Structures are given as C-alpha cells and as structure tokens.
C-alpha cells in the first residue's frame, strides 16, 4: 500500500503480477485510514472501508466500518462473507501485534 491519499493497495503474487485492490481516500496516522475496496471486482463495484484507532487505557480500540454494499450487484451476498471475514482478519492482526516485540510504544 502506498501510505498517502491517492495511494493504491496492491496485491503482488509470487510470479510478480499485481492487481489493484483499492485506493486510499483518507490517511491520518496514527488515527485513521480509509480506502476503496474491490479485490477481484471491477473498480465501479468498490465498497468503502474506514479503520480508526482510539486509545483505550493500555490498549487500542480498532473500529472497522465497511460500507457501500449497494454499489455491488452481489452486495447483500458479499456482505455476509465479510461479516465473518473481518473478524478473522482482525483476530490474526491482534495476535500478531500481541506477539510482536515492544518497539517503544
């Protein structure tokens, strides 16, 4: 991902081929990132994702909002998959963060 507004989220495969999955629309480190999201879908079927980070005592609260389903022809079906999919992604990231060495945070 190019970390700036207008930057792209790009999947790179082992063979070196790339596919754009989204475009950054908001970049406010360390508080917020927003981007369009269309992995494997046409750009015109993009949904929108906003992730915010808020201090909550000794931990960080992560809030993910995934919207714009009405732009996809398969919106309601696709949303059902993401309802459980984001839980898995956030759990993996949380576990990785907990296992990472403290870098002066």
N, C-alpha and C. Protein backbone atom coordinates (compact mmCIF):
# COMPACT_ATOMS: atom_id res chain seq x y z
N UNK A 1 0.86 -1.17 0.00
CA UNK A 1 0.00 0.00 0.00
C UNK A 1 0.90 1.23 0.00
N UNK A 2 0.56 2.19 -0.83
CA UNK A 2 1.22 3.48 -0.80
C UNK A 2 0.53 4.32 0.26
N UNK A 3 1.25 4.67 1.31
CA UNK A 3 0.66 5.29 2.50
C UNK A 3 0.48 6.79 2.34
N UNK A 4 -0.54 7.15 1.57
CA UNK A 4 -0.92 8.55 1.38
C UNK A 4 -2.26 8.56 0.66
N UNK A 5 -2.99 9.66 0.75
CA UNK A 5 -4.23 9.76 -0.01
C UNK A 5 -3.91 9.61 -1.49
N UNK A 6 -4.71 8.83 -2.19
CA UNK A 6 -4.47 8.56 -3.61
C UNK A 6 -3.58 7.35 -3.84
N UNK A 7 -2.94 6.85 -2.78
CA UNK A 7 -2.10 5.66 -2.91
C UNK A 7 -2.95 4.43 -3.18
N UNK A 8 -2.32 3.40 -3.69
CA UNK A 8 -3.05 2.19 -4.04
C UNK A 8 -2.71 1.03 -3.11
N UNK A 9 -3.69 0.17 -2.90
CA UNK A 9 -3.50 -1.09 -2.20
C UNK A 9 -3.35 -2.13 -3.30
N UNK A 10 -2.18 -2.79 -3.34
CA UNK A 10 -1.85 -3.67 -4.45
C UNK A 10 -1.50 -5.06 -3.94
N UNK A 11 -2.11 -6.06 -4.55
CA UNK A 11 -1.74 -7.45 -4.29
C UNK A 11 -0.62 -7.80 -5.26
N UNK A 12 0.45 -8.40 -4.74
CA UNK A 12 1.54 -8.86 -5.59
C UNK A 12 1.68 -10.37 -5.40
N UNK A 13 1.55 -11.11 -6.48
CA UNK A 13 1.65 -12.57 -6.43
C UNK A 13 3.10 -13.02 -6.55
N UNK A 14 3.35 -14.27 -6.25
CA UNK A 14 4.71 -14.82 -6.31
C UNK A 14 5.34 -14.66 -7.69
N UNK A 15 4.52 -14.69 -8.73
CA UNK A 15 5.08 -14.56 -10.09
C UNK A 15 5.37 -13.10 -10.46
N UNK A 16 5.11 -12.17 -9.53
CA UNK A 16 5.38 -10.76 -9.76
C UNK A 16 4.21 -9.98 -10.34
N UNK A 17 3.13 -10.68 -10.71
CA UNK A 17 1.98 -9.96 -11.25
C UNK A 17 1.27 -9.21 -10.12
N UNK A 18 0.63 -8.11 -10.48
CA UNK A 18 -0.03 -7.27 -9.48
C UNK A 18 -1.46 -6.98 -9.88
N UNK A 19 -2.27 -6.72 -8.85
CA UNK A 19 -3.66 -6.32 -9.05
C UNK A 19 -3.98 -5.24 -8.01
N UNK A 20 -4.60 -4.14 -8.45
CA UNK A 20 -5.01 -3.09 -7.53
C UNK A 20 -6.29 -3.53 -6.83
N UNK A 21 -6.28 -3.46 -5.51
CA UNK A 21 -7.44 -3.84 -4.70
C UNK A 21 -8.20 -2.65 -4.17
N UNK A 22 -7.57 -1.46 -4.15
CA UNK A 22 -8.25 -0.29 -3.61
C UNK A 22 -7.38 0.95 -3.69
N UNK A 23 -7.97 2.08 -3.32
CA UNK A 23 -7.27 3.36 -3.34
C UNK A 23 -7.52 4.08 -2.02
N UNK A 24 -6.44 4.60 -1.44
CA UNK A 24 -6.52 5.29 -0.15
C UNK A 24 -7.23 6.63 -0.34
N UNK A 25 -8.29 6.85 0.45
CA UNK A 25 -9.04 8.10 0.37
C UNK A 25 -8.87 8.96 1.62
N UNK A 26 -8.33 8.38 2.68
CA UNK A 26 -8.07 9.12 3.91
C UNK A 26 -6.87 8.54 4.61
N UNK A 27 -5.92 9.40 5.00
CA UNK A 27 -4.69 8.92 5.65
C UNK A 27 -4.34 9.91 6.75
N UNK A 28 -4.62 9.51 8.00
CA UNK A 28 -4.37 10.37 9.16
C UNK A 28 -3.68 9.56 10.25
N UNK A 29 -2.40 9.18 10.01
CA UNK A 29 -1.72 8.38 11.02
C UNK A 29 -1.51 9.17 12.31
N UNK A 30 -1.63 8.55 13.44
CA UNK A 30 -1.92 7.13 13.68
C UNK A 30 -3.38 6.85 13.97
N UNK A 31 -4.27 7.72 13.55
CA UNK A 31 -5.67 7.64 13.97
C UNK A 31 -6.63 6.98 12.99
N UNK A 32 -6.38 7.11 11.68
CA UNK A 32 -7.42 6.72 10.73
C UNK A 32 -6.82 6.42 9.36
N UNK A 33 -7.40 5.43 8.70
CA UNK A 33 -7.14 5.16 7.28
C UNK A 33 -8.48 4.79 6.64
N UNK A 34 -8.71 5.28 5.43
CA UNK A 34 -9.93 4.96 4.68
C UNK A 34 -9.52 4.64 3.25
N UNK A 35 -10.26 3.72 2.63
CA UNK A 35 -9.91 3.33 1.26
C UNK A 35 -11.08 2.65 0.57
N UNK A 36 -11.03 2.71 -0.77
CA UNK A 36 -11.99 1.92 -1.55
C UNK A 36 -11.48 0.48 -1.53
N UNK A 37 -12.37 -0.47 -1.78
CA UNK A 37 -12.02 -1.89 -1.66
C UNK A 37 -12.74 -2.68 -2.74
N UNK A 38 -11.97 -3.30 -3.63
CA UNK A 38 -12.58 -4.07 -4.72
C UNK A 38 -11.70 -5.25 -5.14
N UNK A 39 -11.21 -6.07 -4.19
CA UNK A 39 -10.37 -7.20 -4.59
C UNK A 39 -11.13 -8.16 -5.51
N UNK A 40 -10.60 -8.35 -6.70
CA UNK A 40 -11.23 -9.26 -7.64
C UNK A 40 -12.50 -8.73 -8.28
N UNK A 41 -12.83 -7.47 -8.06
CA UNK A 41 -14.05 -6.87 -8.59
C UNK A 41 -13.70 -5.65 -9.43
N UNK A 42 -14.58 -5.26 -10.33
CA UNK A 42 -14.35 -4.01 -11.07
C UNK A 42 -14.35 -2.80 -10.13
N UNK A 43 -13.58 -1.78 -10.48
CA UNK A 43 -13.48 -0.57 -9.66
C UNK A 43 -14.86 0.02 -9.38
N UNK A 44 -15.75 -0.02 -10.34
CA UNK A 44 -17.08 0.57 -10.14
C UNK A 44 -17.91 -0.18 -9.10
N UNK A 45 -17.48 -1.37 -8.70
CA UNK A 45 -18.17 -2.13 -7.66
C UNK A 45 -17.47 -2.00 -6.30
N UNK A 46 -16.63 -0.99 -6.15
CA UNK A 46 -15.88 -0.79 -4.89
C UNK A 46 -16.82 -0.53 -3.73
N UNK A 47 -16.42 -1.06 -2.58
CA UNK A 47 -17.04 -0.67 -1.32
C UNK A 47 -16.04 0.26 -0.62
N UNK A 48 -16.41 0.76 0.53
CA UNK A 48 -15.56 1.70 1.26
C UNK A 48 -15.24 1.14 2.64
N UNK A 49 -13.99 1.31 3.04
CA UNK A 49 -13.56 0.86 4.36
C UNK A 49 -12.92 2.02 5.10
N UNK A 50 -13.28 2.15 6.37
CA UNK A 50 -12.64 3.13 7.24
C UNK A 50 -12.23 2.41 8.52
N UNK A 51 -10.96 2.55 8.88
CA UNK A 51 -10.44 1.94 10.10
C UNK A 51 -9.92 3.06 10.98
N UNK A 52 -10.38 3.09 12.23
CA UNK A 52 -9.91 4.11 13.17
C UNK A 52 -9.31 3.43 14.39
N UNK A 53 -8.37 4.13 15.01
CA UNK A 53 -7.64 3.63 16.17
C UNK A 53 -7.79 4.64 17.30
N UNK A 54 -8.26 4.17 18.46
CA UNK A 54 -8.51 5.04 19.60
C UNK A 54 -7.87 4.45 20.84
N UNK A 55 -7.11 5.26 21.58
CA UNK A 55 -6.53 4.80 22.84
C UNK A 55 -7.65 4.46 23.80
N UNK A 56 -7.51 3.30 24.44
CA UNK A 56 -8.49 2.85 25.44
C UNK A 56 -7.70 2.27 26.61
N UNK A 57 -7.14 3.14 27.42
CA UNK A 57 -6.28 2.69 28.51
C UNK A 57 -4.97 2.18 27.95
N UNK A 58 -4.61 0.94 28.32
CA UNK A 58 -3.35 0.35 27.88
C UNK A 58 -3.46 -0.35 26.53
N UNK A 59 -4.63 -0.32 25.94
CA UNK A 59 -4.84 -0.99 24.65
C UNK A 59 -5.35 0.02 23.62
N UNK A 60 -5.46 -0.44 22.39
CA UNK A 60 -6.00 0.39 21.31
C UNK A 60 -7.28 -0.23 20.81
N UNK A 61 -8.34 0.57 20.73
CA UNK A 61 -9.60 0.11 20.17
C UNK A 61 -9.53 0.32 18.65
N UNK A 62 -9.82 -0.74 17.90
CA UNK A 62 -9.83 -0.68 16.45
C UNK A 62 -11.28 -0.76 16.00
N UNK A 63 -11.72 0.23 15.22
CA UNK A 63 -13.08 0.24 14.69
C UNK A 63 -12.99 0.17 13.17
N UNK A 64 -13.65 -0.83 12.59
CA UNK A 64 -13.66 -1.00 11.14
C UNK A 64 -15.09 -0.85 10.65
N UNK A 65 -15.29 0.07 9.73
CA UNK A 65 -16.60 0.27 9.11
C UNK A 65 -16.47 -0.05 7.63
N UNK A 66 -17.26 -0.99 7.17
CA UNK A 66 -17.24 -1.42 5.76
C UNK A 66 -18.61 -1.07 5.17
N UNK A 67 -18.64 -0.12 4.26
CA UNK A 67 -19.92 0.38 3.72
C UNK A 67 -19.89 0.39 2.18
N UNK A 68 -21.00 0.81 1.61
CA UNK A 68 -21.10 0.95 0.16
C UNK A 68 -21.52 -0.32 -0.55
N UNK A 69 -22.15 -1.23 0.17
CA UNK A 69 -22.56 -2.51 -0.43
C UNK A 69 -23.54 -2.33 -1.57
N UNK A 70 -24.30 -1.24 -1.54
CA UNK A 70 -25.31 -1.02 -2.57
C UNK A 70 -24.69 -0.81 -3.95
N UNK A 71 -23.40 -0.55 -4.04
CA UNK A 71 -22.75 -0.35 -5.34
C UNK A 71 -22.44 -1.67 -6.04
N UNK A 72 -22.47 -2.77 -5.30
CA UNK A 72 -22.15 -4.08 -5.88
C UNK A 72 -23.42 -4.81 -6.25
N UNK A 73 -23.46 -5.45 -7.42
CA UNK A 73 -24.65 -6.21 -7.80
C UNK A 73 -24.91 -7.39 -6.86
N UNK A 74 -23.84 -7.90 -6.22
CA UNK A 74 -23.98 -9.02 -5.28
C UNK A 74 -23.80 -8.54 -3.84
N UNK A 75 -24.16 -7.29 -3.58
CA UNK A 75 -23.88 -6.64 -2.31
C UNK A 75 -24.31 -7.39 -1.07
N UNK A 76 -25.55 -7.84 -1.01
CA UNK A 76 -26.01 -8.49 0.22
C UNK A 76 -25.31 -9.83 0.44
N UNK A 77 -25.07 -10.57 -0.62
CA UNK A 77 -24.35 -11.84 -0.50
C UNK A 77 -22.90 -11.61 -0.11
N UNK A 78 -22.26 -10.66 -0.76
CA UNK A 78 -20.86 -10.36 -0.45
C UNK A 78 -20.70 -9.88 0.98
N UNK A 79 -21.63 -9.08 1.45
CA UNK A 79 -21.54 -8.56 2.82
C UNK A 79 -21.55 -9.69 3.83
N UNK A 80 -22.36 -10.69 3.62
CA UNK A 80 -22.43 -11.82 4.56
C UNK A 80 -21.06 -12.47 4.73
N UNK A 81 -20.32 -12.61 3.64
CA UNK A 81 -18.97 -13.19 3.71
C UNK A 81 -18.01 -12.33 4.49
N UNK A 82 -18.13 -11.01 4.32
CA UNK A 82 -17.23 -10.10 5.03
C UNK A 82 -17.60 -9.97 6.50
N UNK A 83 -18.86 -10.16 6.86
CA UNK A 83 -19.25 -10.06 8.26
C UNK A 83 -18.40 -10.99 9.13
N UNK A 84 -18.16 -12.20 8.67
CA UNK A 84 -17.31 -13.11 9.44
C UNK A 84 -15.85 -12.99 9.04
N UNK A 85 -15.58 -12.60 7.81
CA UNK A 85 -14.20 -12.49 7.32
C UNK A 85 -13.37 -11.45 8.05
N UNK A 86 -13.96 -10.28 8.33
CA UNK A 86 -13.21 -9.23 9.03
C UNK A 86 -12.86 -9.68 10.44
N UNK A 87 -13.73 -10.47 11.09
CA UNK A 87 -13.42 -10.97 12.43
C UNK A 87 -12.13 -11.78 12.41
N UNK A 88 -11.98 -12.61 11.38
CA UNK A 88 -10.78 -13.45 11.26
C UNK A 88 -9.55 -12.57 11.02
N UNK A 89 -9.65 -11.61 10.10
CA UNK A 89 -8.52 -10.73 9.79
C UNK A 89 -8.09 -9.96 11.04
N UNK A 90 -9.04 -9.38 11.76
CA UNK A 90 -8.70 -8.59 12.95
C UNK A 90 -8.13 -9.47 14.05
N UNK A 91 -8.60 -10.70 14.20
CA UNK A 91 -8.05 -11.62 15.21
C UNK A 91 -6.60 -11.97 14.89
N UNK A 92 -6.31 -12.24 13.62
CA UNK A 92 -4.93 -12.55 13.22
C UNK A 92 -4.02 -11.36 13.46
N UNK A 93 -4.48 -10.16 13.09
CA UNK A 93 -3.66 -8.96 13.31
C UNK A 93 -3.46 -8.69 14.79
N UNK A 94 -4.46 -8.91 15.59
CA UNK A 94 -4.36 -8.71 17.04
C UNK A 94 -3.35 -9.67 17.64
N UNK A 95 -3.41 -10.93 17.24
CA UNK A 95 -2.46 -11.92 17.75
C UNK A 95 -1.04 -11.58 17.33
N UNK A 96 -0.86 -11.15 16.09
CA UNK A 96 0.48 -10.78 15.61
C UNK A 96 1.00 -9.57 16.39
N UNK A 97 0.13 -8.63 16.66
CA UNK A 97 0.53 -7.44 17.41
C UNK A 97 0.93 -7.81 18.84
N UNK A 98 0.17 -8.68 19.46
CA UNK A 98 0.46 -9.10 20.83
C UNK A 98 1.79 -9.85 20.91
N UNK A 99 2.14 -10.59 19.86
CA UNK A 99 3.38 -11.36 19.85
C UNK A 99 4.60 -10.54 19.44
N UNK A 100 4.37 -9.36 18.85
CA UNK A 100 5.48 -8.53 18.38
C UNK A 100 6.21 -7.91 19.56
N UNK A 101 7.53 -7.76 19.41
CA UNK A 101 8.27 -7.09 20.48
C UNK A 101 7.84 -5.64 20.62
N UNK A 102 7.88 -5.12 21.82
CA UNK A 102 7.54 -3.72 22.08
C UNK A 102 8.59 -2.84 21.41
N UNK A 103 8.14 -1.96 20.57
CA UNK A 103 9.04 -1.08 19.82
C UNK A 103 8.98 0.33 20.34
N UNK A 104 9.00 0.45 21.66
CA UNK A 104 8.99 1.78 22.26
C UNK A 104 7.64 2.43 22.30
N UNK A 105 6.59 1.62 22.16
CA UNK A 105 5.23 2.18 22.20
C UNK A 105 4.83 2.48 23.59
